[in-house]
Structures are given as structure tokens and as C-alpha cells.
Amino acid sequence: MSRIKIKDILSSGEVGQKVLVKGWVRTFRSNRFIAINDGSTINNLQAVVNFENESEDTLRRITTSAALAIEGELVASMGKGQNIELHAEKITILGDANPEEYPLQPKKHSMEFLREKAHLRMRTSTMSAVFRVRHALAFAVNKFFNDKGFKYLHTPIITGSDAEGAGEMFRVSTLPLGNPPMTEEGQINFEEDFFGKETNLTVSGQLEAEAGAMSLGEVYTFGPTFRAENSNTSRHLAEFWMIEPEMAFYELEEDMDLAEEMVKYLISHAMEHCADDMEFLNKRAADEDKTKPANERWDLGLLERLNFVVDNSFERITYTEAIDILLQSKPHKKKKFKYPVEWGIDLAAEHERFLVEKHFKKPVIITDYPKDIKAFYMKQNDDGKTVRAMDVLFPGIGEIIGGSQREESLEKLKTRMAEMDIPESELWWYLDLRKFGTAPHSGFGLGFERIVQFVTGMGNIRDVIMFPRTPKSAEF
């Protein structure tokens, strides 16, 4: 008999059908009722045991998280919340889980505790729901771009350049740590290293994706990126995944159109294809919200927030307009903002959330930021002060996407790199793209975990990636 997934049984199983299911025990009550789950759905299948026909040894071994194979007949269920159940005729223990040692017994566990047991936490309802939604979003990313004719590029993980100019990079080296070869000037001699030069883990695939766009037209990269940023916050990871499309012949307006269309598509896909998980996460988010102080609670429930994004056209304003709105706002006049407001600042999350949640009451895209707070590759405006940048702001989190029209002028790009002390020799190939057939082009980046966190309503970004990499934490 072939195994049938629990999701398929619950959606289309017929009374009287003989089935074989395999999964892990969630609970076992009264020596009679097994709640079994195989990861295919948030919902458990109830298997009813005739304990008089089972040995004491088998019953004793049916414990939380033990792996079982159960053969039996599907029957109509009299219990609440289920239409069908399995009358077990044969139970096989595939793998024991000693209740004296298994750390995730059926009770409420804190997210902090579950992070310490990250190898097992996906067996909980919350985390299994999160990772099914994560899968759906990842699939939707590829489907969205594929259907639009974009080419998927796998950009390098090891790189010799710093795309963001931030310098917060993890070094990649085969040189001995204790006694590396030195130059006559007393510096580490990277010419003797594996690649013959200093290399790092990538912070972004953007620059390489630009090379792809200037040959293939429309491309995207979706892969892991790394930041050696010592940030112990609920919004930062040292290793995370980035979605980075780059498009030749796109100007800023088309860049914004694509970003808005993409996030709406991703959210809609998750709500459509993960309905049961989203309903569970919606209730979980509401219950969690009740435990917070009133001033920290959401104005909208999780599903309401998602529909808020999908159903509204994003407001588009310039950075200068945003500053003017903030300067005229009650929180600014009453000194309620923690961070000051003035032209030239990098907007804080509190400023971004005010614009989205209080002023416009819809997602916002801010454009034309001061060049001094943006990266070297962004196209400069004629005013000499701003660049053709855009940030997409969402309720609750502020910025979720950052992008720009890229500078296609060789001379302007070289001037900006000199101003920011970026050696031309390091990015000679990037400059070549402006020498040979330059053209307007644009792109953006979306941290994948940020969109997963927004869609699932999880409070900490460490709970939407399998094994989070954070300062002093690489246990698994």
C-alpha cells in the first residue's frame, strides 16, 4: 500500500477508503486518540486506536514526536473540528522519541526556547506553518519572474568587491590564521591566498546581475547574502536571502511598477495557496498582540494587513515631500519622534511607519533620496543633491524594498566612486558596462526573510529562517 499524505486525506479522503499514513505523533490521549502530522498541512489527522488489540509495548512507545506508520480505514468523525478520522488496524513504530529526553513536549514554548532547538522546532504548529508559507513565497518569486520572461542568474557567493560600500563583510581565506604570509610593508599577503587576492562572502548579487541585465535584458538573482553587521535585533541576520531583479531599459517609474506588482503577487500567492496556515498564523498573531502594551499593538490583524497591501495602490512621494510631511506632523511638533527630522537624514522606521500607517494609510514608495545617504551606483539627478532611488514602505516594518535607477554615465559613476574612495581597479569590469553599450537600467533588492516575516506575522526575523546566523550564534 502506498503512503497518502495527510493533506490529501483531509481534503479528498473518502469514508471507507483503506489508507497508509506516516508521520509524527503530536499527541496521544487516553491510550486511544493519536493526533498525527506528516508536515504536509497544519492540520493533524486523528487516528483511533483499539487499545485492546495493541500490545502494551506498542502503546507505551506512542509518544510525542515518535514516527509511526498507520494502516486503517477512513471513517466519518464524530469529534469537533474534523470530518474524517482513521480507524487504526496496524501501527508500526518507525522511530521512538523518549519522552524523558524529547524537549518539545505538547505545551506552549517560547520562541527563544525554540531557537535553541532549531533542529526540531519545525515540528511545532507555528514553525511548520511558517516554513510552508516560506516555501510558497519562494516558489512564487520564481514563478513571477519566469512568467515575465526574466532569466534566473546564480551570482557568485564569493566575491572580490563590496557592492554596498559598507565594508561589513565576511572574509574568505585559506591562509593560516596564526601565521599568515606578510608583505614587506607588514600587510597580509593575499597574493598567496587561494584566489590570489582578498575575497569575501557576497553582500549582494546586484553588480553581477547588472552585467546579466546588460546582455539578457531582464534578469533576477535569488540567493544567500552575508553581512558582518553586529546587530542583535529582531530585524537583522548575518546570513539571509535576497531577491534582486535587474532590468535593462527600465527607468525609475518602471522599477517602482515592478516592485509593487511583485510584492502584491507574492502576498496574494501565499494567501491563496496557504489558506489553512495563514488562518492559523492570523489567530496566533491576534493572540500575541493581546499580550502587548496598547501602544505596541497592531491597528489591523495579520490578514487585514496583507489585504491592506494587496488592495491599495502604493502612494509615491519624493524624499523632500516626505520630510515636509514629517515636519508638519503632530508627532514631530509634540516631540514624540525618537529621532530628529531634517532634510538629509536617513529616515528611521518610526518616520516610515508614520507615513504609511497614519498619514497615507497605504503602502508608500519614497523616491529621490539625498545622494550622500545612498550607494555609489545610483543615478544622480540633475539637481546634484539627490539620486533616483526608491524605497517601498510597509505597515509595521517601514522599508521592505530598496532600489534605484542605476547610473549609466561612465564619467558620473567614476566621479562618485572617487568621492566614496572606491578604487576603479576593483570594479573595472563594472565600469566596462558603461563603456560598451551603456543604457538606462534599474533594479531593486528585497530581503526574502523580511517578506516572509511580514506575511507570517512573526515578531522576530530569526523565526523565519531554518538556522539563523546572528552575532555569537552559529550552533547548527
Protein backbone atom coordinates (compact mmCIF):
# COMPACT_ATOMS: atom_id res chain seq x y z
CA MET A 1 0.00 0.00 0.00
CA SER A 2 1.37 3.45 -0.94
CA ARG A 3 1.51 6.23 1.62
CA ILE A 4 -1.07 9.01 1.27
CA LYS A 5 -0.28 12.46 2.60
CA ILE A 6 -2.48 13.75 5.39
CA LYS A 7 -3.24 16.94 3.43
CA ASP A 8 -4.74 14.83 0.63
CA ILE A 9 -6.72 12.67 3.04
CA LEU A 10 -8.26 15.70 4.78
CA SER A 11 -9.14 17.41 1.51
CA SER A 12 -10.47 14.50 -0.50
CA GLY A 13 -10.38 11.30 1.55
CA GLU A 14 -13.43 9.08 1.17
CA VAL A 15 -15.14 7.25 4.01
CA GLY A 16 -14.44 3.54 3.72
CA GLN A 17 -11.08 4.05 1.95
CA LYS A 18 -8.14 1.95 3.17
CA VAL A 19 -5.04 4.12 3.62
CA LEU A 20 -1.48 4.13 4.90
CA VAL A 21 -0.23 7.28 6.60
CA LYS A 22 3.19 8.02 8.05
CA GLY A 23 4.06 10.91 10.31
CA TRP A 24 4.99 12.12 13.77
CA VAL A 25 2.80 11.97 16.85
CA ARG A 26 1.62 15.34 18.07
CA THR A 27 -0.43 13.99 20.96
CA PHE A 28 -1.71 10.65 22.24
CA ARG A 29 -4.74 10.80 24.52
CA SER A 30 -6.43 8.19 26.65
CA ASN A 31 -4.46 5.34 25.04
CA ARG A 32 -6.88 5.80 22.16
CA PHE A 33 -6.56 9.02 20.11
CA ILE A 34 -3.40 9.76 18.13
CA ALA A 35 -3.01 13.18 16.51
CA ILE A 36 -0.56 12.51 13.70
CA ASN A 37 1.06 15.03 11.34
CA ASP A 38 3.36 14.50 8.36
CA GLY A 39 4.26 18.13 7.61
CA SER A 40 2.02 18.43 4.55
CA THR A 41 -0.59 20.54 6.39
CA ILE A 42 -1.14 22.50 9.60
CA ASN A 43 -3.97 20.08 10.43
CA ASN A 44 -3.49 16.75 12.18
CA LEU A 45 -5.25 13.53 11.30
CA GLN A 46 -6.86 11.75 14.23
CA ALA A 47 -6.17 8.03 14.32
CA VAL A 48 -8.31 6.00 16.69
CA VAL A 49 -6.59 3.03 18.32
CA ASN A 50 -8.36 -0.09 19.55
CA PHE A 51 -6.08 -0.39 22.55
CA GLU A 52 -7.41 -3.83 23.41
CA ASN A 53 -5.85 -5.12 20.19
CA GLU A 54 -2.48 -3.39 20.67
CA SER A 55 0.35 -4.61 22.84
CA GLU A 56 1.35 -2.68 25.94
CA ASP A 57 4.78 -2.18 24.41
CA THR A 58 3.38 -0.52 21.28
CA LEU A 59 1.07 1.77 23.27
CA ARG A 60 3.94 2.77 25.56
CA ARG A 61 6.05 3.76 22.56
CA ILE A 62 3.39 6.05 21.03
CA THR A 63 4.81 9.27 22.44
CA THR A 64 5.03 12.87 21.24
CA SER A 65 7.21 13.06 18.10
CA ALA A 66 7.57 9.31 17.66
CA ALA A 67 7.40 8.40 13.96
CA LEU A 68 4.58 5.99 13.06
CA ALA A 69 3.13 4.18 10.09
CA ILE A 70 -0.61 3.56 10.48
CA GLU A 71 -2.79 1.48 8.21
CA GLY A 72 -6.53 1.55 8.54
CA GLU A 73 -9.94 2.66 7.27
CA LEU A 74 -11.20 6.23 6.98
CA VAL A 75 -14.50 6.78 8.80
CA ALA A 76 -16.75 9.74 9.46
CA SER A 77 -15.68 11.52 12.63
CA MET A 78 -18.00 12.46 15.47
CA GLY A 79 -15.35 14.73 17.01
CA LYS A 80 -15.31 18.52 16.74
CA GLY A 81 -13.22 20.20 14.06
CA GLN A 82 -12.78 17.16 11.82
CA ASN A 83 -14.91 15.40 9.24
CA ILE A 84 -12.88 12.25 8.93
CA GLU A 85 -10.65 10.07 11.09
CA LEU A 86 -8.62 6.93 10.71
CA HIS A 87 -9.50 3.71 12.49
CA ALA A 88 -6.10 2.16 13.00
CA GLU A 89 -5.79 -1.50 12.07
CA LYS A 90 -1.99 -1.77 12.08
CA ILE A 91 0.51 0.51 13.83
CA THR A 92 4.25 0.33 13.15
CA ILE A 93 6.72 2.30 15.22
CA LEU A 94 9.26 3.73 12.77
CA GLY A 95 11.22 5.75 15.29
CA ASP A 96 10.92 6.21 19.06
CA ALA A 97 11.05 9.56 20.89
CA ASN A 98 11.87 9.06 24.56
CA PRO A 99 9.53 11.41 26.48
CA GLU A 100 12.16 11.78 29.21
CA GLU A 101 14.56 13.30 26.69
CA TYR A 102 12.45 14.87 23.92
CA PRO A 103 12.50 18.64 24.58
CA LEU A 104 9.31 19.74 22.79
CA GLN A 105 6.50 18.19 24.75
CA PRO A 106 2.94 19.30 23.83
CA LYS A 107 2.82 22.61 25.70
CA LYS A 108 3.47 26.25 24.87
CA HIS A 109 7.14 27.06 24.30
CA SER A 110 8.71 30.49 23.91
CA MET A 111 10.25 31.46 20.59
CA GLU A 112 13.59 31.93 22.39
CA PHE A 113 13.48 28.33 23.65
CA LEU A 114 12.55 27.01 20.21
CA ARG A 115 15.55 28.79 18.65
CA GLU A 116 17.75 26.73 20.96
CA LYS A 117 16.10 23.60 19.49
CA ALA A 118 16.04 24.86 15.91
CA HIS A 119 16.64 21.37 14.50
CA LEU A 120 13.31 20.24 15.96
CA ARG A 121 11.20 23.40 16.04
CA MET A 122 9.60 22.81 12.63
CA ARG A 123 7.61 20.01 14.27
CA THR A 124 5.58 22.65 16.11
CA SER A 125 2.42 24.01 14.51
CA THR A 126 3.69 27.58 14.37
CA MET A 127 7.04 26.86 12.80
CA SER A 128 5.71 24.29 10.34
CA ALA A 129 3.18 26.88 9.16
CA VAL A 130 5.92 29.49 8.76
CA PHE A 131 8.08 27.21 6.65
CA ARG A 132 5.25 26.09 4.40
CA VAL A 133 4.49 29.77 3.77
CA ARG A 134 8.20 30.41 3.17
CA HIS A 135 8.22 27.66 0.55
CA ALA A 136 5.14 29.11 -1.15
CA LEU A 137 6.73 32.57 -1.27
CA ALA A 138 9.99 31.19 -2.70
CA PHE A 139 8.07 29.32 -5.38
CA ALA A 140 6.06 32.47 -6.14
CA VAL A 141 9.26 34.51 -6.59
CA ASN A 142 10.48 32.19 -9.32
CA LYS A 143 7.06 31.87 -10.94
CA PHE A 144 6.52 35.63 -11.01
CA PHE A 145 9.79 36.36 -12.79
CA ASN A 146 9.64 33.31 -15.04
CA ASP A 147 6.17 34.26 -16.26
CA LYS A 148 7.51 37.71 -17.10
CA GLY A 149 10.37 36.31 -19.16
CA PHE A 150 13.17 37.12 -16.70
CA LYS A 151 16.29 34.94 -16.65
CA TYR A 152 17.37 33.47 -13.28
CA LEU A 153 21.09 34.02 -12.64
CA HIS A 154 23.16 32.40 -9.90
CA THR A 155 25.54 35.20 -8.94
CA PRO A 156 28.76 34.45 -7.03
CA ILE A 157 28.77 33.72 -3.30
CA ILE A 158 32.50 34.55 -3.11
CA THR A 159 33.34 37.99 -4.40
CA GLY A 160 36.23 40.43 -4.63
CA SER A 161 34.02 43.53 -4.42
CA ASP A 162 31.81 45.23 -1.85
CA ALA A 163 28.57 46.07 -3.67
CA GLU A 164 27.23 48.29 -0.90
CA GLY A 165 30.47 50.00 0.05
CA ALA A 166 29.68 49.30 3.70
CA GLY A 167 32.73 47.17 4.44
CA GLU A 168 30.79 44.79 6.71
CA MET A 169 31.91 41.59 5.01
CA PHE A 170 32.99 38.08 5.97
CA ARG A 171 36.48 37.30 4.68
CA VAL A 172 37.09 34.11 2.71
CA SER A 173 40.64 32.81 3.02
CA THR A 174 42.73 29.65 3.11
CA LEU A 175 45.71 31.41 4.70
CA PRO A 176 46.77 30.15 8.16
CA LEU A 177 45.13 32.24 10.87
CA GLY A 178 48.03 32.24 13.28
CA ASN A 179 50.87 32.91 10.88
CA PRO A 180 49.70 34.34 7.54
CA PRO A 181 52.28 35.35 4.92
CA MET A 182 53.19 39.03 5.13
CA THR A 183 54.37 41.62 2.62
CA GLU A 184 57.48 43.73 3.17
CA GLU A 185 55.15 46.52 4.34
CA GLY A 186 53.80 44.27 7.12
CA GLN A 187 50.39 43.60 5.50
CA ILE A 188 48.82 40.18 4.93
CA ASN A 189 49.98 38.96 1.53
CA PHE A 190 46.75 37.92 -0.17
CA GLU A 191 48.65 37.11 -3.37
CA GLU A 192 49.48 33.81 -1.67
CA ASP A 193 45.82 33.16 -0.84
CA PHE A 194 43.64 30.73 -2.81
CA PHE A 195 42.27 33.37 -5.20
CA GLY A 196 45.43 35.49 -5.23
CA LYS A 197 43.55 38.47 -3.80
CA GLU A 198 41.35 39.41 -0.85
CA THR A 199 37.88 37.88 -1.17
CA ASN A 200 34.67 37.91 0.88
CA LEU A 201 31.20 36.43 1.10
CA THR A 202 28.85 38.50 -1.03
CA VAL A 203 26.65 41.23 0.45
CA SER A 204 24.61 41.45 -2.76
CA GLY A 205 24.39 39.90 -6.21
CA GLN A 206 23.35 43.23 -7.73
CA LEU A 207 26.52 44.25 -9.54
CA GLU A 208 26.88 40.86 -11.22
CA ALA A 209 23.15 40.86 -12.04
CA GLU A 210 23.61 44.22 -13.75
CA ALA A 211 26.13 42.55 -16.06
CA GLY A 212 23.47 39.95 -16.84
CA ALA A 213 20.82 42.60 -17.49
CA MET A 214 23.09 44.43 -19.91
CA SER A 215 23.26 41.26 -22.01
CA LEU A 216 19.99 39.39 -21.38
CA GLY A 217 17.66 42.34 -20.77
CA GLU A 218 15.71 41.27 -17.68
CA VAL A 219 17.27 39.04 -15.02
CA TYR A 220 17.00 38.26 -11.33
CA THR A 221 19.12 36.62 -8.71
CA PHE A 222 17.67 34.96 -5.61
CA GLY A 223 20.29 33.61 -3.24
CA PRO A 224 22.12 33.90 0.08
CA THR A 225 23.91 37.10 1.07
CA PHE A 226 26.01 37.92 4.12
CA ARG A 227 26.56 40.97 6.33
CA ALA A 228 29.09 41.02 9.17
CA GLU A 229 26.99 43.62 10.94
CA ASN A 230 26.99 43.32 14.72
CA SER A 231 23.24 43.87 15.06
CA ASN A 232 21.38 41.89 17.68
CA THR A 233 17.88 42.97 16.67
CA SER A 234 14.64 41.31 15.65
CA ARG A 235 15.15 42.57 12.06
CA HIS A 236 18.76 41.60 11.25
CA LEU A 237 20.54 38.41 10.22
CA ALA A 238 24.16 37.81 9.25
CA GLU A 239 23.05 35.35 6.55
CA PHE A 240 19.87 35.96 4.60
CA TRP A 241 18.39 35.53 1.13
CA MET A 242 17.95 38.38 -1.35
CA ILE A 243 15.65 38.78 -4.36
CA GLU A 244 17.39 41.13 -6.78
CA PRO A 245 15.97 41.82 -10.25
CA GLU A 246 17.91 44.00 -12.69
CA MET A 247 16.34 45.31 -15.88
CA ALA A 248 17.91 46.96 -18.91
CA PHE A 249 15.98 49.87 -20.42
CA TYR A 250 13.91 50.39 -17.22
CA GLU A 251 13.78 53.82 -15.65
CA LEU A 252 12.70 54.53 -12.07
CA GLU A 253 8.95 54.59 -12.78
CA GLU A 254 9.04 51.10 -14.31
CA ASP A 255 11.23 49.89 -11.44
CA MET A 256 8.57 51.02 -8.95
CA ASP A 257 5.81 49.42 -11.00
CA LEU A 258 7.61 46.08 -10.96
CA ALA A 259 8.32 46.21 -7.21
CA GLU A 260 4.68 46.96 -6.41
CA GLU A 261 3.40 44.25 -8.72
CA MET A 262 5.84 41.68 -7.31
CA VAL A 263 5.04 42.13 -3.61
CA LYS A 264 1.31 42.08 -4.29
CA TYR A 265 1.76 38.87 -6.28
CA LEU A 266 3.81 37.19 -3.54
CA ILE A 267 1.32 38.07 -0.79
CA SER A 268 -1.68 37.00 -2.87
CA HIS A 269 0.00 33.70 -3.74
CA ALA A 270 0.67 32.89 -0.08
CA MET A 271 -2.88 33.72 0.99
CA GLU A 272 -4.34 31.61 -1.82
CA HIS A 273 -2.10 28.57 -1.53
CA CYS A 274 -1.55 28.50 2.25
CA ALA A 275 -5.05 29.34 3.43
CA ASP A 276 -5.06 27.00 6.44
CA ASP A 277 -1.60 28.08 7.56
CA MET A 278 -2.48 31.74 7.14
CA GLU A 279 -5.67 31.32 9.17
CA PHE A 280 -3.63 29.69 11.95
CA LEU A 281 -0.97 32.43 11.82
CA ASN A 282 -3.66 35.12 11.80
CA LYS A 283 -5.12 33.76 15.05
CA ARG A 284 -1.65 33.35 16.55
CA ALA A 285 -0.77 36.96 15.71
CA ALA A 286 -4.02 38.19 17.27
CA ASP A 287 -3.39 36.21 20.47
CA GLU A 288 0.18 37.51 20.66
CA ASP A 289 -0.98 41.08 20.10
CA LYS A 290 -3.23 40.88 23.16
CA THR A 291 -0.19 40.35 25.38
CA LYS A 292 1.48 43.59 24.25
CA PRO A 293 1.04 47.08 25.69
CA ALA A 294 -1.72 49.00 23.91
CA ASN A 295 0.71 51.35 22.15
CA GLU A 296 2.58 48.38 20.59
CA ARG A 297 -0.48 46.62 19.19
CA TRP A 298 -1.33 46.50 15.52
CA ASP A 299 -4.27 48.50 14.25
CA LEU A 300 -5.01 45.69 11.79
CA GLY A 301 -4.98 41.91 12.09
CA LEU A 302 -2.47 39.89 10.05
CA LEU A 303 -4.79 39.05 7.15
CA GLU A 304 -6.13 42.61 7.22
CA ARG A 305 -2.56 43.94 6.91
CA LEU A 306 -1.88 41.69 3.94
CA ASN A 307 -5.08 42.73 2.21
CA PHE A 308 -4.20 46.35 3.04
CA VAL A 309 -1.07 45.97 0.88
CA VAL A 310 -2.72 43.99 -1.92
CA ASP A 311 -5.82 46.19 -2.24
CA ASN A 312 -4.18 49.64 -2.21
CA SER A 313 -2.20 51.41 -4.89
CA PHE A 314 1.10 52.45 -3.35
CA GLU A 315 1.46 56.19 -2.71
CA ARG A 316 4.51 57.67 -4.44
CA ILE A 317 6.23 60.74 -3.00
CA THR A 318 9.70 62.25 -3.08
CA TYR A 319 12.03 62.25 -0.09
CA THR A 320 11.68 66.05 0.12
CA GLU A 321 7.88 65.74 0.23
CA ALA A 322 8.20 63.07 2.95
CA ILE A 323 10.40 65.36 5.07
CA ASP A 324 7.90 68.21 4.67
CA ILE A 325 5.04 65.95 5.80
CA LEU A 326 7.03 64.77 8.82
CA LEU A 327 7.99 68.33 9.78
CA GLN A 328 4.30 69.30 9.75
CA SER A 329 3.18 66.19 11.67
CA LYS A 330 1.84 66.18 15.23
CA PRO A 331 4.44 63.66 16.47
CA HIS A 332 7.23 65.97 15.30
CA LYS A 333 5.66 69.14 16.69
CA LYS A 334 4.96 67.42 20.01
CA LYS A 335 8.46 65.87 20.06
CA LYS A 336 7.07 62.33 20.01
CA PHE A 337 9.58 61.06 17.45
CA LYS A 338 12.66 59.47 18.98
CA TYR A 339 14.85 60.56 16.05
CA PRO A 340 15.06 64.12 14.66
CA VAL A 341 13.56 65.13 11.32
CA GLU A 342 15.51 67.26 8.87
CA TRP A 343 16.44 67.14 5.20
CA GLY A 344 19.43 64.85 4.70
CA ILE A 345 18.66 62.25 7.40
CA ASP A 346 18.24 58.56 6.69
CA LEU A 347 14.58 58.08 7.63
CA ALA A 348 14.05 55.98 10.75
CA ALA A 349 11.46 53.19 10.93
CA GLU A 350 9.22 55.41 13.10
CA HIS A 351 9.16 58.07 10.36
CA GLU A 352 8.43 55.50 7.66
CA ARG A 353 5.65 53.90 9.68
CA PHE A 354 4.02 57.29 10.35
CA LEU A 355 3.86 57.95 6.61
CA VAL A 356 2.36 54.52 5.87
CA GLU A 357 0.06 53.95 8.84
CA LYS A 358 -1.03 57.40 9.94
CA HIS A 359 -0.66 59.85 7.07
CA PHE A 360 -1.40 57.97 3.83
CA LYS A 361 -2.90 54.79 5.31
CA LYS A 362 -1.46 52.77 2.43
CA PRO A 363 1.99 51.48 1.37
CA VAL A 364 4.33 54.27 0.28
CA ILE A 365 7.21 54.48 -2.18
CA ILE A 366 9.69 57.29 -1.47
CA THR A 367 11.96 58.46 -4.29
CA ASP A 368 14.85 60.85 -4.90
CA TYR A 369 16.87 60.49 -1.72
CA PRO A 370 19.93 62.63 -0.86
CA LYS A 371 22.92 61.13 -2.66
CA ASP A 372 25.04 61.28 0.50
CA ILE A 373 22.98 58.54 2.21
CA LYS A 374 22.75 56.22 -0.80
CA ALA A 375 25.11 53.85 -2.63
CA PHE A 376 27.59 54.88 -5.33
CA TYR A 377 25.80 53.15 -8.21
CA MET A 378 22.53 55.13 -8.05
CA LYS A 379 21.73 57.52 -10.92
CA GLN A 380 22.30 61.13 -9.99
CA ASN A 381 19.56 63.70 -10.56
CA ASP A 382 20.25 66.99 -12.30
CA ASP A 383 19.97 68.90 -9.01
CA GLY A 384 23.34 67.48 -7.91
CA LYS A 385 21.91 66.62 -4.47
CA THR A 386 19.63 63.62 -4.98
CA VAL A 387 19.64 60.25 -6.71
CA ARG A 388 16.98 58.21 -8.50
CA ALA A 389 16.47 55.89 -5.55
CA MET A 390 13.24 54.35 -4.30
CA ASP A 391 12.25 52.62 -1.06
CA VAL A 392 8.99 50.71 -0.61
CA LEU A 393 7.50 51.15 2.88
CA PHE A 394 5.06 48.70 4.50
CA PRO A 395 2.93 48.96 7.65
CA GLY A 396 4.61 47.77 10.81
CA ILE A 397 8.14 47.50 9.46
CA GLY A 398 8.88 50.50 7.30
CA GLU A 399 11.29 49.83 4.41
CA ILE A 400 10.93 46.42 2.81
CA ILE A 401 12.41 47.09 -0.66
CA GLY A 402 15.27 49.34 -1.70
CA GLY A 403 16.12 50.07 -5.31
CA SER A 404 17.12 52.66 -7.87
CA GLN A 405 17.79 53.55 -11.43
CA ARG A 406 21.47 52.73 -11.89
CA GLU A 407 23.98 55.32 -13.07
CA GLU A 408 24.66 54.64 -16.76
CA SER A 409 27.09 57.53 -17.26
CA LEU A 410 30.72 56.38 -17.09
CA GLU A 411 32.06 59.77 -16.02
CA LYS A 412 29.43 60.34 -13.34
CA LEU A 413 29.97 56.85 -11.95
CA LYS A 414 33.74 57.29 -11.84
CA THR A 415 33.35 60.65 -10.09
CA ARG A 416 31.01 59.19 -7.48
CA MET A 417 33.33 56.22 -6.84
CA ALA A 418 36.24 58.63 -6.30
CA GLU A 419 34.14 60.64 -3.83
CA MET A 420 33.45 57.43 -1.87
CA ASP A 421 37.03 56.09 -2.09
CA ILE A 422 36.06 53.07 -4.17
CA PRO A 423 39.05 52.03 -6.35
CA GLU A 424 38.34 51.81 -10.08
CA SER A 425 40.70 48.84 -10.25
CA GLU A 426 38.33 46.85 -8.02
CA LEU A 427 35.34 47.39 -10.31
CA TRP A 428 36.97 47.75 -13.72
CA TRP A 429 34.53 45.25 -15.19
CA TYR A 430 31.54 47.18 -13.77
CA LEU A 431 32.83 50.35 -15.42
CA ASP A 432 33.17 48.43 -18.70
CA LEU A 433 29.38 48.03 -18.74
CA ARG A 434 29.22 51.84 -19.16
CA LYS A 435 31.91 51.86 -21.85
CA PHE A 436 30.40 49.27 -24.16
CA GLY A 437 26.73 49.83 -24.96
CA THR A 438 25.58 51.64 -21.84
CA ALA A 439 21.83 52.15 -21.44
CA PRO A 440 19.35 53.18 -18.74
CA HIS A 441 18.76 50.30 -16.35
CA SER A 442 17.22 49.78 -12.91
CA GLY A 443 16.72 47.23 -10.18
CA PHE A 444 15.87 46.63 -6.55
CA GLY A 445 16.51 44.30 -3.65
CA LEU A 446 14.05 42.60 -1.32
CA GLY A 447 15.33 40.73 1.70
CA PHE A 448 13.40 37.47 1.44
CA GLU A 449 13.18 36.95 5.20
CA ARG A 450 11.62 40.42 5.54
CA ILE A 451 8.72 39.49 3.26
CA VAL A 452 8.36 36.09 4.97
CA GLN A 453 8.26 37.85 8.34
CA PHE A 454 5.64 40.32 7.12
CA VAL A 455 3.40 37.64 5.59
CA THR A 456 3.59 35.26 8.57
CA GLY A 457 3.31 37.97 11.24
CA MET A 458 6.30 36.63 13.15
CA GLY A 459 7.84 39.16 15.53
CA ASN A 460 11.46 38.12 15.03
CA ILE A 461 13.26 37.53 11.75
CA ARG A 462 15.17 34.65 13.38
CA ASP A 463 11.95 32.66 13.32
CA VAL A 464 11.50 32.65 9.54
CA ILE A 465 14.82 31.03 8.55
CA MET A 466 15.83 27.46 9.43
CA PHE A 467 19.04 28.11 11.31
CA PRO A 468 19.52 31.84 11.96
CA ARG A 469 23.04 33.24 11.80
CA THR A 470 23.46 36.12 14.23
CA PRO A 471 26.33 37.52 16.34
CA LYS A 472 27.78 34.75 18.54
CA SER A 473 25.28 32.26 17.12
CA ALA A 474 26.14 29.55 14.57
CA GLU A 475 25.20 26.48 16.58
CA PHE A 476 23.63 24.34 13.88
